[in-house]
């Protein structure tokens, strides 16, 4: 089984197993490092970080390793990928600030009534990106002014809902990060 390492923080160098590549597409080390650098430079510590479509859990594990959030929620719908995710996160010793959710992201997020001071990292299969963006409309009432949505996609031409704005867009090879927030009338 292939693996990748946590880049920085308390668990630097810790190996994480990767789920089947036919089911998941892990965020590259270069893209993860860039994403975390952006978060650390532009955002302070957050209450909750949601790693949606978590796969191996590498992005959320980096958040835990760097103590960037009070709580990290990992969401993975695929049963085989979820088993790998669960092993990876449970292998991080002496942590209890996480939650593992084995269900569909949209189903989970609709049950979450308050996304205050929350960062949601969405790394769906690239083929489902526009569907996930459209699903954001289902929980728009829970998105607060300090909620940050980060979408990893291959396509930079995504139609985002009219209540969101792209606050930052960065490309690393084939990986494109869109940082989305509520549209403000300032």
N, C-alpha and C. Protein backbone atom coordinates (compact mmCIF):
# COMPACT_ATOMS: atom_id res chain seq x y z
N UNK A 1 0.85 -1.18 0.00
CA UNK A 1 0.00 0.00 0.00
C UNK A 1 0.89 1.24 0.00
N UNK A 2 0.55 2.21 -0.85
CA UNK A 2 1.31 3.45 -0.93
C UNK A 2 1.06 4.32 0.29
N UNK A 3 2.01 5.24 0.53
CA UNK A 3 1.85 6.12 1.69
C UNK A 3 2.37 7.51 1.34
N UNK A 4 2.04 8.46 2.22
CA UNK A 4 2.56 9.83 2.15
C UNK A 4 2.87 10.25 3.58
N UNK A 5 3.61 11.32 3.73
CA UNK A 5 4.01 11.77 5.06
C UNK A 5 3.36 13.09 5.44
N UNK A 6 3.15 13.25 6.74
CA UNK A 6 2.74 14.55 7.26
C UNK A 6 3.96 15.46 7.15
N UNK A 7 3.76 16.67 6.65
CA UNK A 7 4.84 17.56 6.29
C UNK A 7 5.45 18.31 7.47
N UNK A 8 4.59 18.75 8.40
CA UNK A 8 5.09 19.66 9.43
C UNK A 8 4.32 19.47 10.74
N UNK A 9 4.86 20.05 11.78
CA UNK A 9 4.18 20.06 13.08
C UNK A 9 4.54 18.87 13.95
N UNK A 10 3.71 18.63 14.92
CA UNK A 10 3.93 17.60 15.93
C UNK A 10 4.14 16.21 15.33
N UNK A 11 3.44 15.90 14.25
CA UNK A 11 3.51 14.57 13.65
C UNK A 11 4.33 14.56 12.35
N UNK A 12 5.20 15.54 12.20
CA UNK A 12 6.04 15.62 11.00
C UNK A 12 6.74 14.28 10.74
N UNK A 13 6.66 13.84 9.48
CA UNK A 13 7.31 12.60 9.07
C UNK A 13 6.46 11.36 9.27
N UNK A 14 5.34 11.47 9.99
CA UNK A 14 4.45 10.33 10.22
C UNK A 14 3.87 9.88 8.88
N UNK A 15 3.94 8.59 8.60
CA UNK A 15 3.41 8.04 7.35
C UNK A 15 1.92 7.77 7.47
N UNK A 16 1.22 8.14 6.41
CA UNK A 16 -0.21 7.87 6.29
C UNK A 16 -0.42 6.96 5.09
N UNK A 17 -1.19 5.91 5.28
CA UNK A 17 -1.51 5.01 4.18
C UNK A 17 -2.47 5.70 3.21
N UNK A 18 -2.38 5.36 1.94
CA UNK A 18 -3.27 5.92 0.93
C UNK A 18 -4.33 4.91 0.53
N UNK A 19 -5.58 5.36 0.40
CA UNK A 19 -6.62 4.47 -0.11
C UNK A 19 -6.36 4.15 -1.59
N UNK A 20 -7.13 3.26 -2.11
CA UNK A 20 -7.06 2.85 -3.51
C UNK A 20 -7.11 4.08 -4.42
N UNK A 21 -6.16 4.20 -5.32
CA UNK A 21 -6.08 5.36 -6.21
C UNK A 21 -7.22 5.41 -7.22
N UNK A 22 -7.92 4.30 -7.42
CA UNK A 22 -9.08 4.30 -8.32
C UNK A 22 -10.25 5.03 -7.67
N UNK A 23 -10.23 5.15 -6.35
CA UNK A 23 -11.33 5.75 -5.61
C UNK A 23 -10.98 7.18 -5.16
N UNK A 24 -9.74 7.41 -4.81
CA UNK A 24 -9.33 8.73 -4.29
C UNK A 24 -8.18 9.31 -5.10
N UNK A 25 -7.99 10.59 -4.93
CA UNK A 25 -6.89 11.32 -5.55
C UNK A 25 -6.28 12.18 -4.45
N UNK A 26 -5.19 11.71 -3.84
CA UNK A 26 -4.63 12.47 -2.71
C UNK A 26 -4.09 13.83 -3.15
N UNK A 27 -4.24 14.81 -2.26
CA UNK A 27 -3.66 16.13 -2.48
C UNK A 27 -2.14 15.98 -2.38
N UNK A 28 -1.43 16.44 -3.37
CA UNK A 28 0.02 16.28 -3.41
C UNK A 28 0.70 17.00 -2.23
N UNK A 29 1.90 16.58 -1.92
CA UNK A 29 2.65 17.21 -0.83
C UNK A 29 2.87 18.69 -1.12
N UNK A 30 3.22 19.02 -2.36
CA UNK A 30 3.45 20.42 -2.74
C UNK A 30 2.18 21.25 -2.55
N UNK A 31 1.03 20.71 -2.98
CA UNK A 31 -0.23 21.44 -2.85
C UNK A 31 -0.65 21.56 -1.39
N UNK A 32 -0.45 20.49 -0.59
CA UNK A 32 -0.78 20.55 0.84
C UNK A 32 0.06 21.60 1.55
N UNK A 33 1.35 21.63 1.25
CA UNK A 33 2.25 22.61 1.88
C UNK A 33 1.81 24.02 1.52
N UNK A 34 1.46 24.23 0.26
CA UNK A 34 1.01 25.56 -0.17
C UNK A 34 -0.30 25.93 0.51
N UNK A 35 -1.24 25.00 0.58
CA UNK A 35 -2.53 25.25 1.23
C UNK A 35 -2.33 25.63 2.69
N UNK A 36 -1.52 24.87 3.42
CA UNK A 36 -1.29 25.15 4.83
C UNK A 36 -0.56 26.47 5.03
N UNK A 37 0.35 26.80 4.15
CA UNK A 37 1.05 28.09 4.24
C UNK A 37 0.07 29.24 4.06
N UNK A 38 -0.85 29.10 3.13
CA UNK A 38 -1.87 30.14 2.92
C UNK A 38 -2.74 30.26 4.17
N UNK A 39 -3.20 29.15 4.70
CA UNK A 39 -4.06 29.19 5.89
C UNK A 39 -3.33 29.82 7.07
N UNK A 40 -2.09 29.44 7.28
CA UNK A 40 -1.34 29.98 8.41
C UNK A 40 -1.04 31.46 8.26
N UNK A 41 -0.88 31.93 7.03
CA UNK A 41 -0.56 33.35 6.83
C UNK A 41 -1.79 34.24 6.80
N UNK A 42 -2.93 33.72 6.37
CA UNK A 42 -4.11 34.56 6.19
C UNK A 42 -5.20 34.34 7.23
N UNK A 43 -5.13 33.25 7.97
CA UNK A 43 -6.20 32.93 8.92
C UNK A 43 -5.57 32.53 10.26
N UNK A 44 -6.26 32.90 11.30
CA UNK A 44 -5.80 32.48 12.61
C UNK A 44 -6.34 31.09 12.90
N UNK A 45 -6.06 30.62 14.06
CA UNK A 45 -6.59 29.37 14.57
C UNK A 45 -8.11 29.35 14.36
N UNK A 46 -8.67 28.20 14.00
CA UNK A 46 -10.11 28.10 13.77
C UNK A 46 -10.74 27.13 14.76
N UNK A 47 -12.03 27.31 15.02
CA UNK A 47 -12.73 26.40 15.92
C UNK A 47 -12.82 25.00 15.32
N UNK A 48 -13.29 24.93 14.06
CA UNK A 48 -13.54 23.63 13.42
C UNK A 48 -12.98 23.63 12.01
N UNK A 49 -12.32 22.55 11.67
CA UNK A 49 -11.85 22.31 10.31
C UNK A 49 -12.51 21.04 9.84
N UNK A 50 -13.22 21.11 8.72
CA UNK A 50 -13.88 19.93 8.16
C UNK A 50 -13.11 19.49 6.92
N UNK A 51 -12.61 18.27 6.95
CA UNK A 51 -11.91 17.67 5.82
C UNK A 51 -12.93 16.77 5.11
N UNK A 52 -13.63 17.35 4.13
CA UNK A 52 -14.66 16.62 3.40
C UNK A 52 -14.01 15.81 2.28
N UNK A 53 -14.55 14.65 1.99
CA UNK A 53 -13.97 13.75 0.99
C UNK A 53 -12.53 13.46 1.41
N UNK A 54 -12.36 13.07 2.66
CA UNK A 54 -11.06 13.05 3.34
C UNK A 54 -10.06 12.05 2.76
N UNK A 55 -10.52 10.96 2.19
CA UNK A 55 -9.56 9.97 1.66
C UNK A 55 -8.64 9.48 2.76
N UNK A 56 -7.35 9.73 2.63
CA UNK A 56 -6.36 9.31 3.65
C UNK A 56 -6.42 10.16 4.90
N UNK A 57 -7.01 11.35 4.80
CA UNK A 57 -7.05 12.28 5.93
C UNK A 57 -5.82 13.16 6.01
N UNK A 58 -5.00 13.19 4.96
CA UNK A 58 -3.73 13.92 5.00
C UNK A 58 -3.90 15.40 5.31
N UNK A 59 -4.89 16.06 4.71
CA UNK A 59 -5.06 17.50 4.94
C UNK A 59 -5.48 17.75 6.39
N UNK A 60 -6.47 17.02 6.87
CA UNK A 60 -6.89 17.18 8.26
C UNK A 60 -5.80 16.80 9.25
N UNK A 61 -5.00 15.78 8.91
CA UNK A 61 -3.89 15.38 9.77
C UNK A 61 -2.85 16.49 9.87
N UNK A 62 -2.63 17.20 8.78
CA UNK A 62 -1.72 18.36 8.82
C UNK A 62 -2.27 19.43 9.76
N UNK A 63 -3.58 19.64 9.73
CA UNK A 63 -4.23 20.62 10.60
C UNK A 63 -4.02 20.23 12.07
N UNK A 64 -4.22 18.93 12.37
CA UNK A 64 -4.01 18.44 13.73
C UNK A 64 -2.55 18.59 14.12
N UNK A 65 -1.66 18.20 13.22
CA UNK A 65 -0.23 18.25 13.51
C UNK A 65 0.24 19.66 13.83
N UNK A 66 -0.35 20.64 13.17
CA UNK A 66 0.04 22.04 13.37
C UNK A 66 -0.82 22.75 14.42
N UNK A 67 -1.76 22.02 15.03
CA UNK A 67 -2.65 22.58 16.05
C UNK A 67 -3.37 23.84 15.54
N UNK A 68 -3.89 23.74 14.34
CA UNK A 68 -4.53 24.88 13.68
C UNK A 68 -6.02 25.00 14.01
N UNK A 69 -6.64 23.93 14.54
CA UNK A 69 -8.07 23.95 14.84
C UNK A 69 -8.34 23.27 16.17
N UNK A 70 -9.39 23.73 16.84
CA UNK A 70 -9.80 23.08 18.08
C UNK A 70 -10.32 21.67 17.81
N UNK A 71 -10.99 21.50 16.65
CA UNK A 71 -11.58 20.21 16.30
C UNK A 71 -11.46 20.00 14.80
N UNK A 72 -11.13 18.77 14.39
CA UNK A 72 -11.09 18.40 12.98
C UNK A 72 -12.11 17.30 12.74
N UNK A 73 -12.97 17.53 11.76
CA UNK A 73 -13.98 16.54 11.39
C UNK A 73 -13.60 15.98 10.02
N UNK A 74 -13.43 14.67 9.95
CA UNK A 74 -13.09 13.98 8.71
C UNK A 74 -14.37 13.32 8.18
N UNK A 75 -14.69 13.58 6.92
CA UNK A 75 -15.88 12.99 6.32
C UNK A 75 -15.43 12.19 5.09
N UNK A 76 -15.75 10.92 5.09
CA UNK A 76 -15.44 10.05 3.95
C UNK A 76 -16.58 9.07 3.77
N UNK A 77 -17.14 9.02 2.56
CA UNK A 77 -18.30 8.19 2.27
C UNK A 77 -17.92 6.78 1.84
N UNK A 78 -16.79 6.62 1.16
CA UNK A 78 -16.40 5.31 0.63
C UNK A 78 -15.95 4.41 1.78
N UNK A 79 -16.57 3.22 1.94
CA UNK A 79 -16.25 2.36 3.10
C UNK A 79 -14.79 1.92 3.16
N UNK A 80 -14.19 1.56 2.02
CA UNK A 80 -12.79 1.14 2.02
C UNK A 80 -11.86 2.29 2.36
N UNK A 81 -12.12 3.45 1.78
CA UNK A 81 -11.30 4.63 2.10
C UNK A 81 -11.48 5.02 3.55
N UNK A 82 -12.69 4.87 4.08
CA UNK A 82 -12.95 5.22 5.48
C UNK A 82 -12.12 4.36 6.42
N UNK A 83 -11.94 3.08 6.10
CA UNK A 83 -11.12 2.20 6.94
C UNK A 83 -9.68 2.68 6.99
N UNK A 84 -9.15 3.08 5.83
CA UNK A 84 -7.78 3.61 5.78
C UNK A 84 -7.70 4.90 6.58
N UNK A 85 -8.66 5.79 6.38
CA UNK A 85 -8.73 7.06 7.11
C UNK A 85 -8.73 6.80 8.61
N UNK A 86 -9.58 5.91 9.05
CA UNK A 86 -9.70 5.60 10.48
C UNK A 86 -8.37 5.10 11.06
N UNK A 87 -7.71 4.19 10.34
CA UNK A 87 -6.40 3.69 10.80
C UNK A 87 -5.38 4.83 10.88
N UNK A 88 -5.37 5.67 9.85
CA UNK A 88 -4.40 6.78 9.82
C UNK A 88 -4.58 7.72 10.99
N UNK A 89 -5.80 8.14 11.24
CA UNK A 89 -6.04 9.15 12.28
C UNK A 89 -5.85 8.54 13.67
N UNK A 90 -6.28 7.31 13.84
CA UNK A 90 -6.09 6.67 15.14
C UNK A 90 -4.63 6.37 15.42
N UNK A 91 -3.79 6.36 14.39
CA UNK A 91 -2.35 6.12 14.60
C UNK A 91 -1.64 7.37 15.13
N UNK A 92 -2.30 8.51 15.08
CA UNK A 92 -1.74 9.74 15.64
C UNK A 92 -1.96 9.68 17.15
N UNK A 93 -0.91 9.59 17.89
CA UNK A 93 -1.01 9.35 19.34
C UNK A 93 -1.40 10.60 20.12
N UNK A 94 -2.16 10.36 21.18
CA UNK A 94 -2.52 11.39 22.16
C UNK A 94 -3.31 12.56 21.55
N UNK A 95 -4.23 12.25 20.68
CA UNK A 95 -5.12 13.30 20.18
C UNK A 95 -6.56 12.89 20.44
N UNK A 96 -7.40 13.85 20.69
CA UNK A 96 -8.82 13.57 20.89
C UNK A 96 -9.69 14.67 20.30
N UNK A 97 -9.09 15.53 19.49
CA UNK A 97 -9.83 16.66 18.94
C UNK A 97 -10.30 16.39 17.51
N UNK A 98 -10.76 15.17 17.26
CA UNK A 98 -11.21 14.83 15.92
C UNK A 98 -12.51 14.02 15.98
N UNK A 99 -13.18 13.97 14.84
CA UNK A 99 -14.38 13.16 14.69
C UNK A 99 -14.31 12.53 13.30
N UNK A 100 -14.60 11.23 13.22
CA UNK A 100 -14.61 10.52 11.95
C UNK A 100 -16.06 10.25 11.55
N UNK A 101 -16.45 10.68 10.36
CA UNK A 101 -17.82 10.54 9.88
C UNK A 101 -17.80 9.72 8.60
N UNK A 102 -18.51 8.59 8.60
CA UNK A 102 -18.60 7.74 7.42
C UNK A 102 -19.98 7.92 6.78
N UNK A 103 -20.13 9.06 6.11
CA UNK A 103 -21.37 9.32 5.39
C UNK A 103 -21.13 10.35 4.31
N UNK A 104 -22.13 10.58 3.52
CA UNK A 104 -22.09 11.54 2.44
C UNK A 104 -21.93 12.96 3.00
N UNK A 105 -21.04 13.74 2.38
CA UNK A 105 -20.77 15.10 2.84
C UNK A 105 -22.03 15.95 2.91
N UNK A 106 -22.84 15.94 1.86
CA UNK A 106 -24.03 16.79 1.82
C UNK A 106 -25.00 16.42 2.94
N UNK A 107 -25.17 15.13 3.18
CA UNK A 107 -26.05 14.67 4.26
C UNK A 107 -25.53 15.17 5.60
N UNK A 108 -24.23 15.02 5.83
CA UNK A 108 -23.64 15.47 7.09
C UNK A 108 -23.78 16.98 7.27
N UNK A 109 -23.41 17.73 6.26
CA UNK A 109 -23.33 19.19 6.41
C UNK A 109 -24.71 19.80 6.63
N UNK A 110 -25.75 19.19 6.07
CA UNK A 110 -27.11 19.71 6.29
C UNK A 110 -27.53 19.54 7.75
N UNK A 111 -26.90 18.61 8.46
CA UNK A 111 -27.24 18.41 9.88
C UNK A 111 -26.45 19.34 10.79
N UNK A 112 -25.48 20.03 10.24
CA UNK A 112 -24.62 20.94 11.01
C UNK A 112 -25.24 22.33 10.93
N UNK A 113 -25.79 22.81 11.99
CA UNK A 113 -26.56 24.06 11.95
C UNK A 113 -25.73 25.32 12.09
N UNK A 114 -24.51 25.21 12.57
CA UNK A 114 -23.72 26.41 12.79
C UNK A 114 -22.30 26.18 12.27
N UNK A 115 -21.93 26.94 11.28
CA UNK A 115 -20.59 26.83 10.71
C UNK A 115 -19.74 28.05 11.05
N UNK A 116 -20.05 28.66 12.21
CA UNK A 116 -19.29 29.83 12.67
C UNK A 116 -17.83 29.42 12.92
N UNK A 117 -16.91 30.27 12.47
CA UNK A 117 -15.47 30.06 12.62
C UNK A 117 -15.06 28.65 12.19
N UNK A 118 -15.55 28.25 11.01
CA UNK A 118 -15.30 26.92 10.45
C UNK A 118 -14.65 27.05 9.09
N UNK A 119 -13.68 26.19 8.84
CA UNK A 119 -13.09 26.06 7.51
C UNK A 119 -13.51 24.70 6.98
N UNK A 120 -14.09 24.69 5.79
CA UNK A 120 -14.50 23.44 5.15
C UNK A 120 -13.63 23.23 3.92
N UNK A 121 -12.81 22.19 3.96
CA UNK A 121 -11.95 21.84 2.84
C UNK A 121 -12.65 20.74 2.06
N UNK A 122 -13.00 21.03 0.81
CA UNK A 122 -13.72 20.09 -0.03
C UNK A 122 -12.83 19.65 -1.18
N UNK A 123 -12.54 18.37 -1.20
CA UNK A 123 -11.69 17.77 -2.23
C UNK A 123 -12.45 16.61 -2.87
N UNK A 124 -13.56 16.93 -3.56
CA UNK A 124 -14.37 15.85 -4.13
C UNK A 124 -13.70 15.24 -5.36
N UNK A 125 -14.14 14.05 -5.76
CA UNK A 125 -13.65 13.56 -7.06
C UNK A 125 -13.91 14.65 -8.09
N UNK A 126 -12.92 14.93 -8.92
CA UNK A 126 -13.03 16.06 -9.83
C UNK A 126 -14.30 16.01 -10.68
N UNK A 127 -14.77 14.83 -11.00
CA UNK A 127 -15.96 14.70 -11.83
C UNK A 127 -17.21 15.22 -11.10
N UNK A 128 -17.18 15.27 -9.77
CA UNK A 128 -18.33 15.70 -8.96
C UNK A 128 -18.24 17.14 -8.48
N UNK A 129 -17.24 17.88 -8.90
CA UNK A 129 -17.00 19.21 -8.35
C UNK A 129 -18.20 20.13 -8.51
N UNK A 130 -18.77 20.24 -9.70
CA UNK A 130 -19.89 21.16 -9.90
C UNK A 130 -21.11 20.74 -9.10
N UNK A 131 -21.34 19.43 -8.95
CA UNK A 131 -22.45 18.95 -8.14
C UNK A 131 -22.27 19.41 -6.68
N UNK A 132 -21.06 19.29 -6.16
CA UNK A 132 -20.80 19.70 -4.78
C UNK A 132 -21.01 21.20 -4.62
N UNK A 133 -20.55 21.97 -5.59
CA UNK A 133 -20.77 23.42 -5.55
C UNK A 133 -22.26 23.72 -5.53
N UNK A 134 -23.02 23.02 -6.34
CA UNK A 134 -24.48 23.22 -6.36
C UNK A 134 -25.10 22.82 -5.02
N UNK A 135 -24.57 21.77 -4.39
CA UNK A 135 -25.09 21.31 -3.09
C UNK A 135 -24.86 22.33 -1.98
N UNK A 136 -23.89 23.21 -2.14
CA UNK A 136 -23.63 24.24 -1.13
C UNK A 136 -24.90 25.06 -0.89
N UNK A 137 -25.71 25.22 -1.90
CA UNK A 137 -26.97 25.97 -1.76
C UNK A 137 -27.87 25.36 -0.68
N UNK A 138 -27.73 24.05 -0.46
CA UNK A 138 -28.57 23.36 0.53
C UNK A 138 -28.25 23.75 1.96
N UNK A 139 -27.03 24.24 2.20
CA UNK A 139 -26.67 24.63 3.57
C UNK A 139 -26.23 26.09 3.66
N UNK A 140 -26.63 26.88 2.68
CA UNK A 140 -26.18 28.28 2.65
C UNK A 140 -26.61 29.08 3.87
N UNK A 141 -27.74 28.73 4.48
CA UNK A 141 -28.22 29.47 5.65
C UNK A 141 -27.31 29.29 6.87
N UNK A 142 -26.45 28.27 6.84
CA UNK A 142 -25.58 27.99 7.98
C UNK A 142 -24.19 28.59 7.80
N UNK A 143 -23.91 29.08 6.60
CA UNK A 143 -22.61 29.67 6.33
C UNK A 143 -22.58 31.07 6.93
N UNK A 144 -21.59 31.33 7.74
CA UNK A 144 -21.46 32.62 8.43
C UNK A 144 -20.38 33.47 7.75
N UNK A 145 -20.29 34.70 8.17
CA UNK A 145 -19.30 35.61 7.57
C UNK A 145 -17.87 35.14 7.80
N UNK A 146 -17.64 34.33 8.86
CA UNK A 146 -16.28 33.84 9.11
C UNK A 146 -16.08 32.39 8.69
N UNK A 147 -17.04 31.85 7.93
CA UNK A 147 -16.90 30.51 7.38
C UNK A 147 -16.07 30.61 6.10
N UNK A 148 -15.09 29.73 5.96
CA UNK A 148 -14.28 29.69 4.75
C UNK A 148 -14.46 28.33 4.11
N UNK A 149 -14.81 28.33 2.83
CA UNK A 149 -14.91 27.10 2.05
C UNK A 149 -13.71 27.06 1.11
N UNK A 150 -13.01 25.94 1.10
CA UNK A 150 -11.88 25.78 0.19
C UNK A 150 -12.19 24.59 -0.70
N UNK A 151 -12.18 24.83 -1.99
CA UNK A 151 -12.47 23.78 -2.95
C UNK A 151 -11.21 23.43 -3.72
N UNK A 152 -10.85 22.16 -3.70
CA UNK A 152 -9.76 21.68 -4.54
C UNK A 152 -10.37 21.10 -5.80
N UNK A 153 -9.91 21.58 -6.93
CA UNK A 153 -10.45 21.14 -8.21
C UNK A 153 -9.38 21.19 -9.27
N UNK A 154 -9.63 20.53 -10.36
CA UNK A 154 -8.73 20.59 -11.50
C UNK A 154 -9.14 21.73 -12.42
N UNK A 155 -10.41 22.10 -12.35
CA UNK A 155 -11.01 23.08 -13.24
C UNK A 155 -11.12 24.42 -12.52
N UNK A 156 -10.60 25.47 -13.12
CA UNK A 156 -10.73 26.79 -12.51
C UNK A 156 -11.98 27.52 -12.98
N UNK A 157 -12.72 26.91 -13.90
CA UNK A 157 -13.93 27.53 -14.45
C UNK A 157 -15.17 26.94 -13.79
N UNK A 158 -15.29 27.09 -12.51
CA UNK A 158 -16.42 26.57 -11.75
C UNK A 158 -17.46 27.66 -11.59
N UNK A 159 -18.72 27.29 -11.75
CA UNK A 159 -19.82 28.23 -11.52
C UNK A 159 -20.17 28.19 -10.03
N UNK A 160 -19.82 29.25 -9.32
CA UNK A 160 -20.12 29.26 -7.89
C UNK A 160 -21.45 29.96 -7.66
N UNK A 161 -22.15 29.59 -6.57
CA UNK A 161 -23.44 30.23 -6.27
C UNK A 161 -23.27 31.74 -6.08
N UNK A 162 -24.32 32.48 -6.39
CA UNK A 162 -24.23 33.96 -6.36
C UNK A 162 -24.10 34.54 -4.96
N UNK A 163 -24.22 33.75 -3.92
CA UNK A 163 -24.06 34.27 -2.55
C UNK A 163 -22.62 34.08 -2.05
N UNK A 164 -21.76 33.49 -2.89
CA UNK A 164 -20.36 33.28 -2.53
C UNK A 164 -19.45 34.11 -3.42
N UNK A 165 -18.27 34.39 -2.92
CA UNK A 165 -17.26 35.07 -3.72
C UNK A 165 -15.94 34.31 -3.61
N UNK A 166 -15.16 34.38 -4.65
CA UNK A 166 -13.82 33.79 -4.62
C UNK A 166 -12.90 34.83 -3.99
N UNK A 167 -12.43 34.54 -2.79
CA UNK A 167 -11.55 35.50 -2.12
C UNK A 167 -10.08 35.26 -2.49
N UNK A 168 -9.77 34.06 -2.94
CA UNK A 168 -8.41 33.74 -3.36
C UNK A 168 -8.47 32.52 -4.26
N UNK A 169 -7.61 32.51 -5.27
CA UNK A 169 -7.50 31.37 -6.16
C UNK A 169 -6.02 31.10 -6.42
N UNK A 170 -5.60 29.85 -6.19
CA UNK A 170 -4.19 29.48 -6.39
C UNK A 170 -4.13 28.16 -7.15
N UNK A 171 -3.15 28.07 -8.04
CA UNK A 171 -2.95 26.86 -8.83
C UNK A 171 -1.57 26.30 -8.56
N UNK A 172 -1.51 24.97 -8.37
CA UNK A 172 -0.26 24.24 -8.15
C UNK A 172 -0.30 23.01 -9.06
N UNK A 173 0.35 23.12 -10.22
CA UNK A 173 0.28 22.04 -11.20
C UNK A 173 -1.16 21.88 -11.67
N UNK A 174 -1.70 20.69 -11.57
CA UNK A 174 -3.10 20.44 -11.96
C UNK A 174 -4.10 20.80 -10.86
N UNK A 175 -3.59 21.09 -9.68
CA UNK A 175 -4.46 21.36 -8.53
C UNK A 175 -4.79 22.85 -8.45
N UNK A 176 -6.06 23.14 -8.34
CA UNK A 176 -6.55 24.51 -8.24
C UNK A 176 -7.31 24.64 -6.92
N UNK A 177 -6.94 25.61 -6.09
CA UNK A 177 -7.65 25.87 -4.84
C UNK A 177 -8.48 27.14 -5.00
N UNK A 178 -9.77 27.03 -4.71
CA UNK A 178 -10.66 28.20 -4.67
C UNK A 178 -11.03 28.44 -3.22
N UNK A 179 -10.76 29.62 -2.71
CA UNK A 179 -11.13 30.01 -1.35
C UNK A 179 -12.41 30.82 -1.48
N UNK A 180 -13.50 30.31 -0.92
CA UNK A 180 -14.81 30.91 -1.07
C UNK A 180 -15.33 31.41 0.25
N UNK A 181 -15.98 32.58 0.20
CA UNK A 181 -16.59 33.13 1.41
C UNK A 181 -17.90 33.78 1.01
N UNK A 182 -18.70 34.15 2.03
CA UNK A 182 -19.97 34.83 1.76
C UNK A 182 -19.71 36.14 1.02
N UNK A 183 -20.54 36.42 0.07
CA UNK A 183 -20.47 37.68 -0.63
C UNK A 183 -20.92 38.78 0.32
N UNK A 184 -20.13 39.80 0.48
CA UNK A 184 -20.48 40.89 1.39
C UNK A 184 -20.86 42.11 0.58
N UNK A 185 -21.70 42.92 1.14
CA UNK A 185 -22.17 44.13 0.46
C UNK A 185 -21.45 45.35 1.01
N UNK A 186 -20.14 45.31 1.00
CA UNK A 186 -19.37 46.44 1.56
C UNK A 186 -19.02 47.41 0.46
